[in-house]
Amino acid sequence: MDRVFAWDHHHNRVVYRIPGHHFDDGREDSDLSPVWLPAEVSDLPEGVAVDDLRTVSVKD
């Protein structure tokens, strides 16, 4: 599964989502309802920097 990374400016952290993934709690990650999960800068693919990421606002 391909991860899509972004920068959560609300919490100042890297986040990722897995489009189309179904979670055990019934949520489905979709473009209309993305499920952003926390990540580490070290999780980014080689050659990708935080400055390259799009900015999102993840609600609590």
C-alpha atoms as a PDB file:
ATOM      1  CA  MET A   1       0.000   0.000   0.000  1.00  0.00           C
ATOM      2  CA  ASP A   2       1.282   3.410  -0.957  1.00  0.00           C
ATOM      3  CA  ARG A   3       1.427   6.037   1.731  1.00  0.00           C
ATOM      4  CA  VAL A   4       0.665   9.676   0.983  1.00  0.00           C
ATOM      5  CA  PHE A   5       2.654  12.004   3.232  1.00  0.00           C
ATOM      6  CA  ALA A   6       1.798  15.569   4.266  1.00  0.00           C
ATOM      7  CA  TRP A   7       2.717  18.185   6.864  1.00  0.00           C
ATOM      8  CA  ASP A   8       0.126  18.759   9.589  1.00  0.00           C
ATOM      9  CA  HIS A   9       0.617  22.462  10.323  1.00  0.00           C
ATOM     10  CA  HIS A  10      -1.855  22.325  13.217  1.00  0.00           C
ATOM     11  CA  HIS A  11       0.351  19.880  15.181  1.00  0.00           C
ATOM     12  CA  ASN A  12       3.680  20.587  13.405  1.00  0.00           C
ATOM     13  CA  ARG A  13       4.310  16.980  12.411  1.00  0.00           C
ATOM     14  CA  VAL A  14       4.533  14.649   9.443  1.00  0.00           C
ATOM     15  CA  VAL A  15       1.386  12.599   8.784  1.00  0.00           C
ATOM     16  CA  TYR A  16       0.435   9.974   6.245  1.00  0.00           C
ATOM     17  CA  ARG A  17      -2.639   8.272   4.846  1.00  0.00           C
ATOM     18  CA  ILE A  18      -3.276   5.092   2.893  1.00  0.00           C
ATOM     19  CA  PRO A  19      -5.983   5.843   0.304  1.00  0.00           C
ATOM     20  CA  GLY A  20      -8.601   3.101   0.112  1.00  0.00           C
ATOM     21  CA  HIS A  21      -7.517   1.447   3.367  1.00  0.00           C
ATOM     22  CA  HIS A  22     -10.278   0.022   5.584  1.00  0.00           C
ATOM     23  CA  PHE A  23      -9.573   0.309   9.316  1.00  0.00           C
ATOM     24  CA  ASP A  24     -10.756  -2.174  11.950  1.00  0.00           C
ATOM     25  CA  ASP A  25     -12.998   0.496  13.484  1.00  0.00           C
ATOM     26  CA  GLY A  26     -14.967   0.814  10.226  1.00  0.00           C
ATOM     27  CA  ARG A  27     -13.333   3.942   8.846  1.00  0.00           C
ATOM     28  CA  GLU A  28     -12.254   4.022   5.217  1.00  0.00           C
ATOM     29  CA  ASP A  29      -9.574   6.406   3.995  1.00  0.00           C
ATOM     30  CA  SER A  30     -10.968   8.252   0.984  1.00  0.00           C
ATOM     31  CA  ASP A  31     -10.304  11.566  -0.743  1.00  0.00           C
ATOM     32  CA  LEU A  32     -13.536  12.913   0.771  1.00  0.00           C
ATOM     33  CA  SER A  33     -12.703  11.630   4.255  1.00  0.00           C
ATOM     34  CA  PRO A  34      -8.932  11.170   4.640  1.00  0.00           C
ATOM     35  CA  VAL A  35      -7.593   9.389   7.722  1.00  0.00           C
ATOM     36  CA  TRP A  36      -4.290  11.040   8.633  1.00  0.00           C
ATOM     37  CA  LEU A  37      -1.948   9.104  10.920  1.00  0.00           C
ATOM     38  CA  PRO A  38       1.169  10.464  12.668  1.00  0.00           C
ATOM     39  CA  ALA A  39       4.542   9.659  11.138  1.00  0.00           C
ATOM     40  CA  GLU A  40       8.193  10.494  11.672  1.00  0.00           C
ATOM     41  CA  VAL A  41      10.410  12.508   9.348  1.00  0.00           C
ATOM     42  CA  SER A  42      12.522   9.339   9.028  1.00  0.00           C
ATOM     43  CA  ASP A  43       9.485   7.594   7.442  1.00  0.00           C
ATOM     44  CA  LEU A  44       9.609   9.873   4.394  1.00  0.00           C
ATOM     45  CA  PRO A  45      10.824   8.270   1.154  1.00  0.00           C
ATOM     46  CA  GLU A  46      14.424   8.925   0.219  1.00  0.00           C
ATOM     47  CA  GLY A  47      14.848  12.300  -1.422  1.00  0.00           C
ATOM     48  CA  VAL A  48      11.631  13.765   0.057  1.00  0.00           C
ATOM     49  CA  ALA A  49      11.959  16.563   2.604  1.00  0.00           C
ATOM     50  CA  VAL A  50       9.386  18.154   4.891  1.00  0.00           C
ATOM     51  CA  ASP A  51       9.465  21.276   2.677  1.00  0.00           C
ATOM     52  CA  ASP A  52       8.281  19.121  -0.255  1.00  0.00           C
ATOM     53  CA  LEU A  53       5.072  18.045   1.528  1.00  0.00           C
ATOM     54  CA  ARG A  54       1.676  19.609   1.061  1.00  0.00           C
ATOM     55  CA  THR A  55       0.130  21.183   4.150  1.00  0.00           C
ATOM     56  CA  VAL A  56      -2.962  19.757   5.834  1.00  0.00           C
ATOM     57  CA  SER A  57      -4.804  20.526   9.058  1.00  0.00           C
ATOM     58  CA  VAL A  58      -5.573  17.387  11.060  1.00  0.00           C
ATOM     59  CA  LYS A  59      -8.361  17.842  13.578  1.00  0.00           C
ATOM     60  CA  ASP A  60      -8.120  16.257  17.020  1.00  0.00           C
END
